[in-house]
Amino acid sequence: KYLTGHWGGLRHELESAGVTLTATYTTDLLGNPVGGNTQGFRYAGDTAVDIHVDLDTLWGLKGMRLDVSGSWRAGAKDIVNTFTVSQIFGGETAWLYGLALEWPSLLDDRLDIRMGRIGAGDDFLASPLYTAFVNFAFDGNPGSVPINIPSFSVYPVATWGLRTKVMPVE
């Protein structure tokens, strides 16, 4: 079930306490055999580490959670373009992406507050359809939005902020 095993039972103890650790690696292997300014073969990679703390389980804070995430990106590109060819190309360095507290079940599940270091693209202009593409113009969030609105933050670059959702009626 886990690539690195159960760490002598430590993973189970952490999860029972409400702490979940996750690490993922994503890569795009892309080639440009003809056309463009240059030809070649490159890769882009993203190593992500996430810590999810269920503060309800850990300390009894109803519905509250803490999320901490980071990203380390590497890669190169061969096509000079407004939008990068690979969605995971960009920000070739290590980043603290998220550091956020969230209360998704306030006022009988009618109020959800998230604050800290967050990305606007996690909550706005997101669609499961976007994960079907490689190119930054379509994948993740539409690439034109953060290019034309610099304050609109998207993964792997977040900003400090506050987001609320209100559901006044079912």
C-alpha atoms as a PDB file:
ATOM      1  CA  LYS A   1       0.000   0.000   0.000  1.00  0.00           C
ATOM      2  CA  TYR A   2       2.897   2.391   0.723  1.00  0.00           C
ATOM      3  CA  LEU A   3       6.156   2.632  -1.237  1.00  0.00           C
ATOM      4  CA  THR A   4       8.212   3.258   1.906  1.00  0.00           C
ATOM      5  CA  GLY A   5       6.366   0.827   4.171  1.00  0.00           C
ATOM      6  CA  HIS A   6       5.001   1.531   7.622  1.00  0.00           C
ATOM      7  CA  TRP A   7       8.237   2.833   9.239  1.00  0.00           C
ATOM      8  CA  GLY A   8       8.087   0.257  12.032  1.00  0.00           C
ATOM      9  CA  GLY A   9       4.509   1.265  12.918  1.00  0.00           C
ATOM     10  CA  LEU A  10       5.239   5.017  13.092  1.00  0.00           C
ATOM     11  CA  ARG A  11       3.066   5.770  10.045  1.00  0.00           C
ATOM     12  CA  HIS A  12       0.058   4.094  11.696  1.00  0.00           C
ATOM     13  CA  GLU A  13       0.672   5.935  14.992  1.00  0.00           C
ATOM     14  CA  LEU A  14       0.843   9.289  13.205  1.00  0.00           C
ATOM     15  CA  GLU A  15      -2.319   8.613  11.180  1.00  0.00           C
ATOM     16  CA  SER A  16      -4.169   7.513  14.337  1.00  0.00           C
ATOM     17  CA  ALA A  17      -3.162  10.840  15.924  1.00  0.00           C
ATOM     18  CA  GLY A  18      -4.472  12.730  12.872  1.00  0.00           C
ATOM     19  CA  VAL A  19      -1.168  13.367  11.045  1.00  0.00           C
ATOM     20  CA  THR A  20      -0.828  12.211   7.435  1.00  0.00           C
ATOM     21  CA  LEU A  21       2.423  12.582   5.490  1.00  0.00           C
ATOM     22  CA  THR A  22       2.452  12.343   1.702  1.00  0.00           C
ATOM     23  CA  ALA A  23       5.213  12.653  -0.873  1.00  0.00           C
ATOM     24  CA  THR A  24       4.661  12.559  -4.635  1.00  0.00           C
ATOM     25  CA  TYR A  25       6.826  12.876  -7.695  1.00  0.00           C
ATOM     26  CA  THR A  26       5.493  13.874 -11.117  1.00  0.00           C
ATOM     27  CA  THR A  27       7.513  14.118 -14.304  1.00  0.00           C
ATOM     28  CA  ASP A  28       6.911  15.061 -17.911  1.00  0.00           C
ATOM     29  CA  LEU A  29       9.337  13.730 -20.502  1.00  0.00           C
ATOM     30  CA  LEU A  30       8.909  15.909 -23.572  1.00  0.00           C
ATOM     31  CA  GLY A  31      10.590  16.233 -26.934  1.00  0.00           C
ATOM     32  CA  ASN A  32      10.615  18.842 -29.662  1.00  0.00           C
ATOM     33  CA  PRO A  33      12.065  17.019 -32.698  1.00  0.00           C
ATOM     34  CA  VAL A  34      11.215  19.646 -35.337  1.00  0.00           C
ATOM     35  CA  GLY A  35      10.217  23.297 -35.524  1.00  0.00           C
ATOM     36  CA  GLY A  36      10.531  25.995 -32.909  1.00  0.00           C
ATOM     37  CA  ASN A  37      13.689  27.900 -32.025  1.00  0.00           C
ATOM     38  CA  THR A  38      15.526  24.754 -30.885  1.00  0.00           C
ATOM     39  CA  GLN A  39      15.018  21.016 -30.924  1.00  0.00           C
ATOM     40  CA  GLY A  40      15.701  18.628 -28.081  1.00  0.00           C
ATOM     41  CA  PHE A  41      14.426  16.375 -25.334  1.00  0.00           C
ATOM     42  CA  ARG A  42      13.884  17.579 -21.776  1.00  0.00           C
ATOM     43  CA  TYR A  43      12.208  16.632 -18.583  1.00  0.00           C
ATOM     44  CA  ALA A  44      10.306  18.602 -15.973  1.00  0.00           C
ATOM     45  CA  GLY A  45       9.755  17.215 -12.507  1.00  0.00           C
ATOM     46  CA  ASP A  46       7.894  18.171  -9.348  1.00  0.00           C
ATOM     47  CA  THR A  47       8.553  16.616  -5.959  1.00  0.00           C
ATOM     48  CA  ALA A  48       5.829  17.548  -3.491  1.00  0.00           C
ATOM     49  CA  VAL A  49       5.657  16.913   0.253  1.00  0.00           C
ATOM     50  CA  ASP A  50       2.431  17.404   2.187  1.00  0.00           C
ATOM     51  CA  ILE A  51       1.603  17.233   5.884  1.00  0.00           C
ATOM     52  CA  HIS A  52      -2.081  17.128   6.776  1.00  0.00           C
ATOM     53  CA  VAL A  53      -2.938  17.507  10.482  1.00  0.00           C
ATOM     54  CA  ASP A  54      -6.508  16.762  11.549  1.00  0.00           C
ATOM     55  CA  LEU A  55      -6.738  19.066  14.580  1.00  0.00           C
ATOM     56  CA  ASP A  56     -10.096  17.539  15.483  1.00  0.00           C
ATOM     57  CA  THR A  57      -8.444  14.141  16.005  1.00  0.00           C
ATOM     58  CA  LEU A  58      -5.250  15.567  17.504  1.00  0.00           C
ATOM     59  CA  TRP A  59      -6.680  18.169  19.919  1.00  0.00           C
ATOM     60  CA  GLY A  60     -10.481  17.964  19.618  1.00  0.00           C
ATOM     61  CA  LEU A  61     -10.833  21.216  17.628  1.00  0.00           C
ATOM     62  CA  LYS A  62     -14.031  20.353  15.740  1.00  0.00           C
ATOM     63  CA  GLY A  63     -13.476  20.182  11.998  1.00  0.00           C
ATOM     64  CA  MET A  64     -10.219  22.165  12.052  1.00  0.00           C
ATOM     65  CA  ARG A  65      -7.176  21.106  10.058  1.00  0.00           C
ATOM     66  CA  LEU A  66      -3.683  22.340   9.279  1.00  0.00           C
ATOM     67  CA  ASP A  67      -2.065  21.739   5.908  1.00  0.00           C
ATOM     68  CA  VAL A  68       1.615  22.282   5.153  1.00  0.00           C
ATOM     69  CA  SER A  69       2.998  21.604   1.687  1.00  0.00           C
ATOM     70  CA  GLY A  70       6.122  22.210  -0.301  1.00  0.00           C
ATOM     71  CA  SER A  71       7.335  21.710  -3.836  1.00  0.00           C
ATOM     72  CA  TRP A  72      10.705  21.243  -5.470  1.00  0.00           C
ATOM     73  CA  ARG A  73      10.650  21.687  -9.234  1.00  0.00           C
ATOM     74  CA  ALA A  74      13.372  21.029 -11.769  1.00  0.00           C
ATOM     75  CA  GLY A  75      13.572  20.883 -15.540  1.00  0.00           C
ATOM     76  CA  ALA A  76      14.316  22.703 -18.745  1.00  0.00           C
ATOM     77  CA  LYS A  77      12.409  23.866 -21.800  1.00  0.00           C
ATOM     78  CA  ASP A  78      13.217  24.058 -25.500  1.00  0.00           C
ATOM     79  CA  ILE A  79      10.289  26.057 -26.801  1.00  0.00           C
ATOM     80  CA  VAL A  80      10.171  29.803 -26.273  1.00  0.00           C
ATOM     81  CA  ASN A  81       6.485  30.438 -25.709  1.00  0.00           C
ATOM     82  CA  THR A  82       4.165  32.551 -23.558  1.00  0.00           C
ATOM     83  CA  PHE A  83       2.843  29.377 -21.928  1.00  0.00           C
ATOM     84  CA  THR A  84       5.278  26.667 -20.892  1.00  0.00           C
ATOM     85  CA  VAL A  85       4.799  23.405 -22.724  1.00  0.00           C
ATOM     86  CA  SER A  86       4.738  21.403 -19.491  1.00  0.00           C
ATOM     87  CA  GLN A  87       2.461  22.415 -16.612  1.00  0.00           C
ATOM     88  CA  ILE A  88       5.074  21.218 -14.124  1.00  0.00           C
ATOM     89  CA  PHE A  89       7.771  23.410 -15.652  1.00  0.00           C
ATOM     90  CA  GLY A  90       8.095  26.664 -13.782  1.00  0.00           C
ATOM     91  CA  GLY A  91       9.470  27.857 -10.494  1.00  0.00           C
ATOM     92  CA  GLU A  92      12.604  25.707 -10.731  1.00  0.00           C
ATOM     93  CA  THR A  93      13.421  25.806  -7.013  1.00  0.00           C
ATOM     94  CA  ALA A  94      12.126  24.593  -3.662  1.00  0.00           C
ATOM     95  CA  TRP A  95       9.007  26.395  -2.400  1.00  0.00           C
ATOM     96  CA  LEU A  96       6.917  26.450   0.737  1.00  0.00           C
ATOM     97  CA  TYR A  97       3.572  26.246  -1.004  1.00  0.00           C
ATOM     98  CA  GLY A  98       0.935  25.957   1.663  1.00  0.00           C
ATOM     99  CA  LEU A  99       0.731  26.697   5.356  1.00  0.00           C
ATOM    100  CA  ALA A 100      -2.953  27.030   6.096  1.00  0.00           C
ATOM    101  CA  LEU A 101      -5.528  26.526   8.814  1.00  0.00           C
ATOM    102  CA  GLU A 102      -9.003  25.560   7.665  1.00  0.00           C
ATOM    103  CA  TRP A 103     -12.335  25.335   9.485  1.00  0.00           C
ATOM    104  CA  PRO A 104     -14.703  23.751   6.951  1.00  0.00           C
ATOM    105  CA  SER A 105     -17.583  23.020   9.311  1.00  0.00           C
ATOM    106  CA  LEU A 106     -18.483  26.218  11.140  1.00  0.00           C
ATOM    107  CA  LEU A 107     -22.105  27.266  11.734  1.00  0.00           C
ATOM    108  CA  ASP A 108     -23.536  23.813  10.998  1.00  0.00           C
ATOM    109  CA  ASP A 109     -21.392  23.395   7.860  1.00  0.00           C
ATOM    110  CA  ARG A 110     -22.530  26.719   6.387  1.00  0.00           C
ATOM    111  CA  LEU A 111     -19.212  28.565   6.792  1.00  0.00           C
ATOM    112  CA  ASP A 112     -15.749  27.441   5.641  1.00  0.00           C
ATOM    113  CA  ILE A 113     -12.702  29.591   6.431  1.00  0.00           C
ATOM    114  CA  ARG A 114      -9.170  29.006   5.180  1.00  0.00           C
ATOM    115  CA  MET A 115      -6.266  31.283   6.063  1.00  0.00           C
ATOM    116  CA  GLY A 116      -2.512  31.282   5.770  1.00  0.00           C
ATOM    117  CA  ARG A 117      -0.264  30.700   2.790  1.00  0.00           C
ATOM    118  CA  ILE A 118      -2.690  29.599   0.055  1.00  0.00           C
ATOM    119  CA  GLY A 119      -3.093  29.624  -3.717  1.00  0.00           C
ATOM    120  CA  ALA A 120      -6.127  31.283  -5.271  1.00  0.00           C
ATOM    121  CA  GLY A 121      -5.983  28.661  -8.032  1.00  0.00           C
ATOM    122  CA  ASP A 122      -6.877  25.936  -5.514  1.00  0.00           C
ATOM    123  CA  ASP A 123     -10.354  27.410  -5.058  1.00  0.00           C
ATOM    124  CA  PHE A 124     -11.052  29.526  -8.144  1.00  0.00           C
ATOM    125  CA  LEU A 125     -10.945  28.698 -11.873  1.00  0.00           C
ATOM    126  CA  ALA A 126     -10.207  25.054 -11.113  1.00  0.00           C
ATOM    127  CA  SER A 127     -11.704  22.075 -12.914  1.00  0.00           C
ATOM    128  CA  PRO A 128     -10.995  18.338 -13.016  1.00  0.00           C
ATOM    129  CA  LEU A 129     -10.909  18.717 -16.815  1.00  0.00           C
ATOM    130  CA  TYR A 130      -7.685  20.726 -16.593  1.00  0.00           C
ATOM    131  CA  THR A 131      -5.691  17.735 -15.324  1.00  0.00           C
ATOM    132  CA  ALA A 132      -6.117  16.012 -18.693  1.00  0.00           C
ATOM    133  CA  PHE A 133      -3.660  18.378 -20.412  1.00  0.00           C
ATOM    134  CA  VAL A 134       0.110  18.906 -20.279  1.00  0.00           C
ATOM    135  CA  ASN A 135       0.413  22.471 -21.585  1.00  0.00           C
ATOM    136  CA  PHE A 136       0.257  25.323 -19.049  1.00  0.00           C
ATOM    137  CA  ALA A 137      -2.289  27.163 -21.197  1.00  0.00           C
ATOM    138  CA  PHE A 138      -4.898  24.527 -20.236  1.00  0.00           C
ATOM    139  CA  ASP A 139      -3.659  22.416 -17.319  1.00  0.00           C
ATOM    140  CA  GLY A 140      -4.054  23.320 -13.641  1.00  0.00           C
ATOM    141  CA  ASN A 141      -5.648  26.732 -13.939  1.00  0.00           C
ATOM    142  CA  PRO A 142      -5.894  28.547 -17.271  1.00  0.00           C
ATOM    143  CA  GLY A 143      -2.367  29.960 -17.647  1.00  0.00           C
ATOM    144  CA  SER A 144      -3.547  33.298 -18.961  1.00  0.00           C
ATOM    145  CA  VAL A 145      -5.052  34.205 -15.587  1.00  0.00           C
ATOM    146  CA  PRO A 146      -1.871  34.343 -13.437  1.00  0.00           C
ATOM    147  CA  ILE A 147       0.044  35.860 -16.369  1.00  0.00           C
ATOM    148  CA  ASN A 148      -2.465  38.699 -16.771  1.00  0.00           C
ATOM    149  CA  ILE A 149      -3.382  39.030 -13.082  1.00  0.00           C
ATOM    150  CA  PRO A 150      -0.099  38.704 -11.142  1.00  0.00           C
ATOM    151  CA  SER A 151      -1.866  38.704  -7.760  1.00  0.00           C
ATOM    152  CA  PHE A 152      -3.728  35.481  -8.718  1.00  0.00           C
ATOM    153  CA  SER A 153      -1.489  32.827  -7.133  1.00  0.00           C
ATOM    154  CA  VAL A 154      -1.297  29.269  -8.446  1.00  0.00           C
ATOM    155  CA  TYR A 155       0.738  26.192  -7.542  1.00  0.00           C
ATOM    156  CA  PRO A 156       3.677  26.118  -6.786  1.00  0.00           C
ATOM    157  CA  VAL A 157       3.669  29.808  -5.786  1.00  0.00           C
ATOM    158  CA  ALA A 158       1.186  30.744  -3.046  1.00  0.00           C
ATOM    159  CA  THR A 159       0.587  33.960  -1.153  1.00  0.00           C
ATOM    160  CA  TRP A 160      -0.711  34.909   2.288  1.00  0.00           C
ATOM    161  CA  GLY A 161      -4.460  35.228   2.286  1.00  0.00           C
ATOM    162  CA  LEU A 162      -7.896  34.463   3.652  1.00  0.00           C
ATOM    163  CA  ARG A 163     -10.677  32.618   1.822  1.00  0.00           C
ATOM    164  CA  THR A 164     -14.224  32.147   3.051  1.00  0.00           C
ATOM    165  CA  LYS A 165     -17.091  30.134   1.632  1.00  0.00           C
ATOM    166  CA  VAL A 166     -20.640  30.757   2.780  1.00  0.00           C
ATOM    167  CA  MET A 167     -23.478  28.315   2.095  1.00  0.00           C
ATOM    168  CA  PRO A 168     -26.588  30.142   3.420  1.00  0.00           C
ATOM    169  CA  VAL A 169     -29.050  27.542   2.085  1.00  0.00           C
ATOM    170  CA  GLU A 170     -28.863  23.956   0.864  1.00  0.00           C
END
